[in-house]
Amino acid sequence: MDEGFYYFKEVHMTANFICYKKCTTCKKAEKFLRENDISYTARDYTEDPLSAAEITELWKASSLPLSRFFNTSGQIYRQEKIKDLLPSLSEEEQINLLAKHPKLIKRPIIQMKNTVLVGFKETEWKELA
């Protein structure tokens, strides 16, 4: 091998795909991952809930406001009037609420390349791929 030339092996990253397997949006997102040959590990957070520490890590990596992690169209959110409750809760209390009630979490979440995206917007996901 000639000195001065470097051969780089392409590194394939595996995405963490956090979803609810019965959700139609999650199914669309998973189809996107398959069609774009993106390697991923799926985790249904209703079967394997995220801990408060994991939610905190995802939130901090996302650079999004914590409110974006709430599924505002979900039954629990509406029935429990979470919208009215959130302003009076600390960040820690909000994270604990998400950990206690996984279906309050906006879905899907993808973690890849030091980036976290919440919800499925194909244009955002294409930029990540």
N, C-alpha and C. Protein backbone atom coordinates (compact mmCIF):
# COMPACT_ATOMS: atom_id res chain seq x y z
N MET A 1 0.85 -1.17 0.00
CA MET A 1 0.00 0.00 0.00
C MET A 1 0.89 1.23 0.00
N ASP A 2 0.58 2.19 -0.88
CA ASP A 2 1.35 3.42 -0.97
C ASP A 2 1.16 4.26 0.28
N GLU A 3 2.28 4.83 0.74
CA GLU A 3 2.16 5.76 1.85
C GLU A 3 1.47 7.02 1.34
N GLY A 4 0.74 7.66 2.19
CA GLY A 4 0.04 8.86 1.77
C GLY A 4 -1.39 8.57 1.33
N PHE A 5 -1.71 7.33 1.07
CA PHE A 5 -3.07 6.97 0.71
C PHE A 5 -3.71 6.26 1.89
N TYR A 6 -4.89 6.65 2.20
CA TYR A 6 -5.62 6.03 3.30
C TYR A 6 -6.87 5.38 2.75
N TYR A 7 -7.10 4.21 3.15
CA TYR A 7 -8.29 3.49 2.70
C TYR A 7 -9.26 3.43 3.87
N PHE A 8 -10.41 3.98 3.64
CA PHE A 8 -11.42 4.02 4.69
C PHE A 8 -12.48 2.98 4.43
N LYS A 9 -12.77 2.23 5.43
CA LYS A 9 -13.86 1.27 5.35
C LYS A 9 -15.13 2.02 5.71
N GLU A 10 -16.15 1.90 4.87
CA GLU A 10 -17.42 2.56 5.16
C GLU A 10 -18.02 1.96 6.43
N VAL A 11 -18.41 2.84 7.31
CA VAL A 11 -18.99 2.39 8.57
C VAL A 11 -20.51 2.50 8.48
N HIS A 12 -21.19 1.39 8.72
CA HIS A 12 -22.64 1.39 8.70
C HIS A 12 -23.13 1.52 10.13
N MET A 13 -23.90 2.54 10.37
CA MET A 13 -24.42 2.76 11.70
C MET A 13 -25.80 2.12 11.82
N THR A 14 -26.09 1.66 12.98
CA THR A 14 -27.40 1.11 13.25
C THR A 14 -28.20 2.15 14.02
N ALA A 15 -29.38 2.43 13.52
CA ALA A 15 -30.26 3.40 14.18
C ALA A 15 -31.06 2.70 15.28
N ASN A 16 -31.35 3.45 16.31
CA ASN A 16 -32.28 2.98 17.33
C ASN A 16 -33.65 3.53 16.94
N PHE A 17 -34.57 2.62 16.69
CA PHE A 17 -35.92 2.98 16.25
C PHE A 17 -36.87 2.66 17.39
N ILE A 18 -37.37 3.70 18.02
CA ILE A 18 -38.24 3.55 19.19
C ILE A 18 -39.66 3.83 18.73
N CYS A 19 -40.53 2.84 18.91
CA CYS A 19 -41.85 2.92 18.29
C CYS A 19 -42.91 2.20 19.11
N TYR A 20 -44.12 2.26 18.59
CA TYR A 20 -45.24 1.48 19.09
C TYR A 20 -45.69 0.67 17.88
N LYS A 21 -45.52 -0.65 17.93
CA LYS A 21 -45.69 -1.46 16.73
C LYS A 21 -47.09 -1.43 16.12
N LYS A 22 -48.10 -1.00 16.87
CA LYS A 22 -49.46 -0.92 16.33
C LYS A 22 -49.76 0.43 15.69
N CYS A 23 -48.85 1.37 15.80
CA CYS A 23 -49.03 2.73 15.29
C CYS A 23 -48.80 2.77 13.77
N THR A 24 -49.74 3.35 13.03
CA THR A 24 -49.60 3.41 11.57
C THR A 24 -48.43 4.32 11.15
N THR A 25 -48.20 5.40 11.89
CA THR A 25 -47.07 6.27 11.56
C THR A 25 -45.76 5.54 11.77
N CYS A 26 -45.68 4.74 12.83
CA CYS A 26 -44.47 3.95 13.09
C CYS A 26 -44.26 2.93 11.97
N LYS A 27 -45.35 2.34 11.49
CA LYS A 27 -45.23 1.38 10.39
C LYS A 27 -44.71 2.06 9.13
N LYS A 28 -45.17 3.28 8.85
CA LYS A 28 -44.67 4.04 7.69
C LYS A 28 -43.18 4.35 7.86
N ALA A 29 -42.80 4.73 9.07
CA ALA A 29 -41.40 5.05 9.36
C ALA A 29 -40.52 3.81 9.20
N GLU A 30 -41.01 2.68 9.67
CA GLU A 30 -40.24 1.44 9.55
C GLU A 30 -40.10 1.04 8.08
N LYS A 31 -41.15 1.23 7.32
CA LYS A 31 -41.09 0.96 5.87
C LYS A 31 -40.03 1.86 5.22
N PHE A 32 -39.98 3.12 5.62
CA PHE A 32 -38.97 4.05 5.12
C PHE A 32 -37.56 3.54 5.42
N LEU A 33 -37.35 3.08 6.65
CA LEU A 33 -36.03 2.56 7.03
C LEU A 33 -35.64 1.38 6.15
N ARG A 34 -36.57 0.45 5.95
CA ARG A 34 -36.28 -0.72 5.11
C ARG A 34 -36.00 -0.32 3.66
N GLU A 35 -36.85 0.55 3.10
CA GLU A 35 -36.69 0.96 1.71
C GLU A 35 -35.41 1.74 1.46
N ASN A 36 -34.88 2.37 2.50
CA ASN A 36 -33.65 3.15 2.36
C ASN A 36 -32.43 2.42 2.91
N ASP A 37 -32.59 1.12 3.12
CA ASP A 37 -31.49 0.26 3.59
C ASP A 37 -30.79 0.83 4.82
N ILE A 38 -31.58 1.32 5.76
CA ILE A 38 -31.04 1.83 7.01
C ILE A 38 -31.15 0.72 8.04
N SER A 39 -30.02 0.32 8.55
CA SER A 39 -29.97 -0.72 9.57
C SER A 39 -30.52 -0.14 10.87
N TYR A 40 -31.38 -0.89 11.54
CA TYR A 40 -31.97 -0.37 12.77
C TYR A 40 -32.31 -1.49 13.73
N THR A 41 -32.40 -1.09 14.97
CA THR A 41 -32.88 -1.96 16.03
C THR A 41 -34.18 -1.36 16.52
N ALA A 42 -35.25 -2.13 16.46
CA ALA A 42 -36.57 -1.62 16.88
C ALA A 42 -36.83 -1.94 18.34
N ARG A 43 -37.48 -1.00 18.98
CA ARG A 43 -37.88 -1.17 20.38
C ARG A 43 -39.30 -0.62 20.54
N ASP A 44 -40.22 -1.50 20.87
CA ASP A 44 -41.59 -1.08 21.14
C ASP A 44 -41.63 -0.61 22.59
N TYR A 45 -41.77 0.68 22.78
CA TYR A 45 -41.68 1.22 24.13
C TYR A 45 -42.91 0.95 24.99
N THR A 46 -43.95 0.34 24.42
CA THR A 46 -45.07 -0.08 25.25
C THR A 46 -44.78 -1.44 25.89
N GLU A 47 -43.90 -2.21 25.24
CA GLU A 47 -43.50 -3.51 25.78
C GLU A 47 -42.22 -3.41 26.60
N ASP A 48 -41.35 -2.50 26.21
CA ASP A 48 -40.07 -2.28 26.87
C ASP A 48 -39.94 -0.78 27.13
N PRO A 49 -40.60 -0.28 28.18
CA PRO A 49 -40.65 1.17 28.42
C PRO A 49 -39.29 1.83 28.58
N LEU A 50 -39.23 3.08 28.17
CA LEU A 50 -38.03 3.89 28.34
C LEU A 50 -37.97 4.36 29.79
N SER A 51 -36.79 4.35 30.34
CA SER A 51 -36.61 4.87 31.70
C SER A 51 -36.55 6.39 31.64
N ALA A 52 -36.68 7.02 32.78
CA ALA A 52 -36.55 8.48 32.85
C ALA A 52 -35.17 8.91 32.36
N ALA A 53 -34.14 8.15 32.69
CA ALA A 53 -32.78 8.48 32.25
C ALA A 53 -32.67 8.39 30.72
N GLU A 54 -33.28 7.36 30.12
CA GLU A 54 -33.24 7.23 28.65
C GLU A 54 -34.00 8.37 27.98
N ILE A 55 -35.14 8.74 28.54
CA ILE A 55 -35.92 9.85 27.97
C ILE A 55 -35.11 11.13 28.06
N THR A 56 -34.46 11.34 29.19
CA THR A 56 -33.62 12.53 29.37
C THR A 56 -32.50 12.56 28.33
N GLU A 57 -31.85 11.44 28.13
CA GLU A 57 -30.76 11.35 27.15
C GLU A 57 -31.27 11.67 25.74
N LEU A 58 -32.39 11.08 25.36
CA LEU A 58 -32.97 11.34 24.04
C LEU A 58 -33.34 12.81 23.88
N TRP A 59 -33.96 13.35 24.91
CA TRP A 59 -34.38 14.75 24.86
C TRP A 59 -33.18 15.67 24.69
N LYS A 60 -32.15 15.46 25.48
CA LYS A 60 -30.97 16.33 25.39
C LYS A 60 -30.27 16.21 24.04
N ALA A 61 -30.24 15.00 23.49
CA ALA A 61 -29.60 14.79 22.19
C ALA A 61 -30.43 15.39 21.04
N SER A 62 -31.71 15.57 21.27
CA SER A 62 -32.59 16.06 20.20
C SER A 62 -32.51 17.57 20.01
N SER A 63 -32.12 18.31 21.04
CA SER A 63 -32.13 19.78 21.03
C SER A 63 -33.54 20.35 20.84
N LEU A 64 -34.54 19.56 21.13
CA LEU A 64 -35.93 19.99 21.02
C LEU A 64 -36.47 20.39 22.39
N PRO A 65 -37.51 21.22 22.40
CA PRO A 65 -38.15 21.48 23.69
C PRO A 65 -38.78 20.17 24.20
N LEU A 66 -38.78 19.98 25.48
CA LEU A 66 -39.33 18.75 26.06
C LEU A 66 -40.78 18.54 25.66
N SER A 67 -41.51 19.61 25.46
CA SER A 67 -42.92 19.50 25.07
C SER A 67 -43.11 18.72 23.77
N ARG A 68 -42.10 18.71 22.91
CA ARG A 68 -42.20 17.98 21.63
C ARG A 68 -42.20 16.46 21.82
N PHE A 69 -41.84 16.00 23.01
CA PHE A 69 -41.83 14.57 23.29
C PHE A 69 -43.21 14.05 23.71
N PHE A 70 -44.17 14.95 23.85
CA PHE A 70 -45.50 14.54 24.26
C PHE A 70 -46.39 14.30 23.04
N ASN A 71 -47.10 13.17 23.07
CA ASN A 71 -48.05 12.81 22.02
C ASN A 71 -49.35 13.57 22.30
N THR A 72 -49.47 14.74 21.71
CA THR A 72 -50.60 15.62 22.01
C THR A 72 -51.92 15.11 21.44
N SER A 73 -51.88 14.14 20.57
CA SER A 73 -53.12 13.60 20.01
C SER A 73 -53.55 12.30 20.69
N GLY A 74 -52.80 11.87 21.68
CA GLY A 74 -53.12 10.62 22.36
C GLY A 74 -54.27 10.76 23.36
N GLN A 75 -54.90 9.64 23.66
CA GLN A 75 -56.04 9.63 24.58
C GLN A 75 -55.65 10.10 25.98
N ILE A 76 -54.54 9.60 26.49
CA ILE A 76 -54.12 9.97 27.86
C ILE A 76 -53.89 11.47 27.94
N TYR A 77 -53.24 12.02 26.93
CA TYR A 77 -52.95 13.46 26.91
C TYR A 77 -54.23 14.27 27.00
N ARG A 78 -55.22 13.86 26.22
CA ARG A 78 -56.50 14.60 26.21
C ARG A 78 -57.31 14.33 27.48
N GLN A 79 -57.45 13.07 27.85
CA GLN A 79 -58.28 12.72 29.00
C GLN A 79 -57.76 13.30 30.31
N GLU A 80 -56.45 13.30 30.46
CA GLU A 80 -55.85 13.79 31.71
C GLU A 80 -55.53 15.29 31.65
N LYS A 81 -55.91 15.93 30.54
CA LYS A 81 -55.68 17.38 30.37
C LYS A 81 -54.21 17.75 30.63
N ILE A 82 -53.32 16.98 30.02
CA ILE A 82 -51.89 17.17 30.20
C ILE A 82 -51.45 18.57 29.73
N LYS A 83 -52.11 19.06 28.68
CA LYS A 83 -51.76 20.39 28.17
C LYS A 83 -51.84 21.45 29.27
N ASP A 84 -52.86 21.34 30.09
CA ASP A 84 -53.04 22.30 31.18
C ASP A 84 -52.07 22.04 32.34
N LEU A 85 -51.68 20.81 32.49
CA LEU A 85 -50.81 20.40 33.59
C LEU A 85 -49.33 20.72 33.34
N LEU A 86 -48.88 20.59 32.08
CA LEU A 86 -47.46 20.73 31.75
C LEU A 86 -46.79 22.02 32.25
N PRO A 87 -47.41 23.19 32.09
CA PRO A 87 -46.72 24.41 32.52
C PRO A 87 -46.36 24.43 34.00
N SER A 88 -47.10 23.70 34.81
CA SER A 88 -46.81 23.71 36.25
C SER A 88 -45.83 22.62 36.68
N LEU A 89 -45.40 21.76 35.73
CA LEU A 89 -44.49 20.67 36.05
C LEU A 89 -43.05 21.03 35.74
N SER A 90 -42.15 20.59 36.58
CA SER A 90 -40.72 20.76 36.30
C SER A 90 -40.33 19.81 35.16
N GLU A 91 -39.14 20.00 34.60
CA GLU A 91 -38.66 19.09 33.56
C GLU A 91 -38.58 17.66 34.10
N GLU A 92 -38.09 17.51 35.31
CA GLU A 92 -37.99 16.18 35.91
C GLU A 92 -39.37 15.54 36.05
N GLU A 93 -40.35 16.31 36.47
CA GLU A 93 -41.71 15.78 36.61
C GLU A 93 -42.30 15.39 35.25
N GLN A 94 -42.01 16.18 34.23
CA GLN A 94 -42.48 15.86 32.88
C GLN A 94 -41.85 14.56 32.38
N ILE A 95 -40.56 14.42 32.60
CA ILE A 95 -39.85 13.21 32.17
C ILE A 95 -40.39 11.99 32.92
N ASN A 96 -40.63 12.14 34.21
CA ASN A 96 -41.19 11.03 34.99
C ASN A 96 -42.59 10.67 34.52
N LEU A 97 -43.36 11.65 34.11
CA LEU A 97 -44.70 11.41 33.56
C LEU A 97 -44.61 10.60 32.26
N LEU A 98 -43.66 10.96 31.41
CA LEU A 98 -43.45 10.22 30.15
C LEU A 98 -43.01 8.78 30.45
N ALA A 99 -42.16 8.63 31.43
CA ALA A 99 -41.67 7.29 31.78
C ALA A 99 -42.79 6.43 32.38
N LYS A 100 -43.66 7.05 33.13
CA LYS A 100 -44.76 6.33 33.79
C LYS A 100 -45.85 5.93 32.79
N HIS A 101 -46.08 6.78 31.77
CA HIS A 101 -47.13 6.54 30.77
C HIS A 101 -46.52 6.56 29.37
N PRO A 102 -45.95 5.44 28.92
CA PRO A 102 -45.24 5.42 27.64
C PRO A 102 -46.06 5.94 26.45
N LYS A 103 -47.36 5.74 26.46
CA LYS A 103 -48.15 6.20 25.31
C LYS A 103 -48.26 7.72 25.24
N LEU A 104 -47.77 8.41 26.26
CA LEU A 104 -47.70 9.87 26.19
C LEU A 104 -46.54 10.33 25.30
N ILE A 105 -45.62 9.42 25.00
CA ILE A 105 -44.44 9.78 24.21
C ILE A 105 -44.79 9.84 22.73
N LYS A 106 -44.41 10.94 22.11
CA LYS A 106 -44.58 11.12 20.66
C LYS A 106 -43.79 10.05 19.95
N ARG A 107 -44.35 9.50 18.92
CA ARG A 107 -43.69 8.40 18.22
C ARG A 107 -43.72 8.62 16.71
N PRO A 108 -42.81 7.97 16.03
CA PRO A 108 -41.64 7.22 16.51
C PRO A 108 -40.49 8.17 16.84
N ILE A 109 -39.48 7.59 17.45
CA ILE A 109 -38.24 8.31 17.73
C ILE A 109 -37.12 7.53 17.06
N ILE A 110 -36.24 8.24 16.38
CA ILE A 110 -35.06 7.58 15.80
C ILE A 110 -33.83 8.28 16.35
N GLN A 111 -32.87 7.45 16.72
CA GLN A 111 -31.59 7.94 17.24
C GLN A 111 -30.50 7.37 16.34
N MET A 112 -29.77 8.29 15.69
CA MET A 112 -28.74 7.85 14.75
C MET A 112 -27.78 8.99 14.51
N LYS A 113 -26.51 8.67 14.40
CA LYS A 113 -25.48 9.67 14.10
C LYS A 113 -25.54 10.85 15.07
N ASN A 114 -25.64 10.57 16.35
CA ASN A 114 -25.71 11.62 17.37
C ASN A 114 -26.89 12.57 17.20
N THR A 115 -27.91 12.11 16.51
CA THR A 115 -29.10 12.90 16.27
C THR A 115 -30.31 12.13 16.74
N VAL A 116 -31.29 12.85 17.26
CA VAL A 116 -32.56 12.25 17.65
C VAL A 116 -33.67 13.03 16.96
N LEU A 117 -34.53 12.29 16.26
CA LEU A 117 -35.70 12.90 15.64
C LEU A 117 -36.95 12.31 16.29
N VAL A 118 -37.94 13.17 16.51
CA VAL A 118 -39.18 12.75 17.14
C VAL A 118 -40.32 12.95 16.15
N GLY A 119 -41.11 11.90 15.95
CA GLY A 119 -42.17 11.95 14.95
C GLY A 119 -41.58 11.59 13.59
N PHE A 120 -42.43 11.22 12.65
CA PHE A 120 -41.94 10.83 11.34
C PHE A 120 -42.26 11.91 10.32
N LYS A 121 -41.23 12.61 9.92
CA LYS A 121 -41.31 13.57 8.81
C LYS A 121 -40.27 13.09 7.81
N GLU A 122 -40.75 12.56 6.69
CA GLU A 122 -39.85 11.90 5.75
C GLU A 122 -38.70 12.79 5.31
N THR A 123 -38.94 14.08 5.11
CA THR A 123 -37.85 14.96 4.66
C THR A 123 -36.72 15.03 5.70
N GLU A 124 -37.09 15.09 6.99
CA GLU A 124 -36.07 15.11 8.05
C GLU A 124 -35.32 13.79 8.09
N TRP A 125 -36.05 12.71 7.94
CA TRP A 125 -35.42 11.39 8.03
C TRP A 125 -34.50 11.16 6.84
N LYS A 126 -34.83 11.70 5.67
CA LYS A 126 -33.95 11.56 4.49
C LYS A 126 -32.62 12.25 4.73
N GLU A 127 -32.66 13.41 5.39
CA GLU A 127 -31.42 14.14 5.69
C GLU A 127 -30.53 13.33 6.63
N LEU A 128 -31.17 12.58 7.51
CA LEU A 128 -30.42 11.76 8.47
C LEU A 128 -29.81 10.54 7.80
N ALA A 129 -30.49 10.01 6.80
CA ALA A 129 -30.06 8.76 6.15
C ALA A 129 -28.84 8.90 5.34
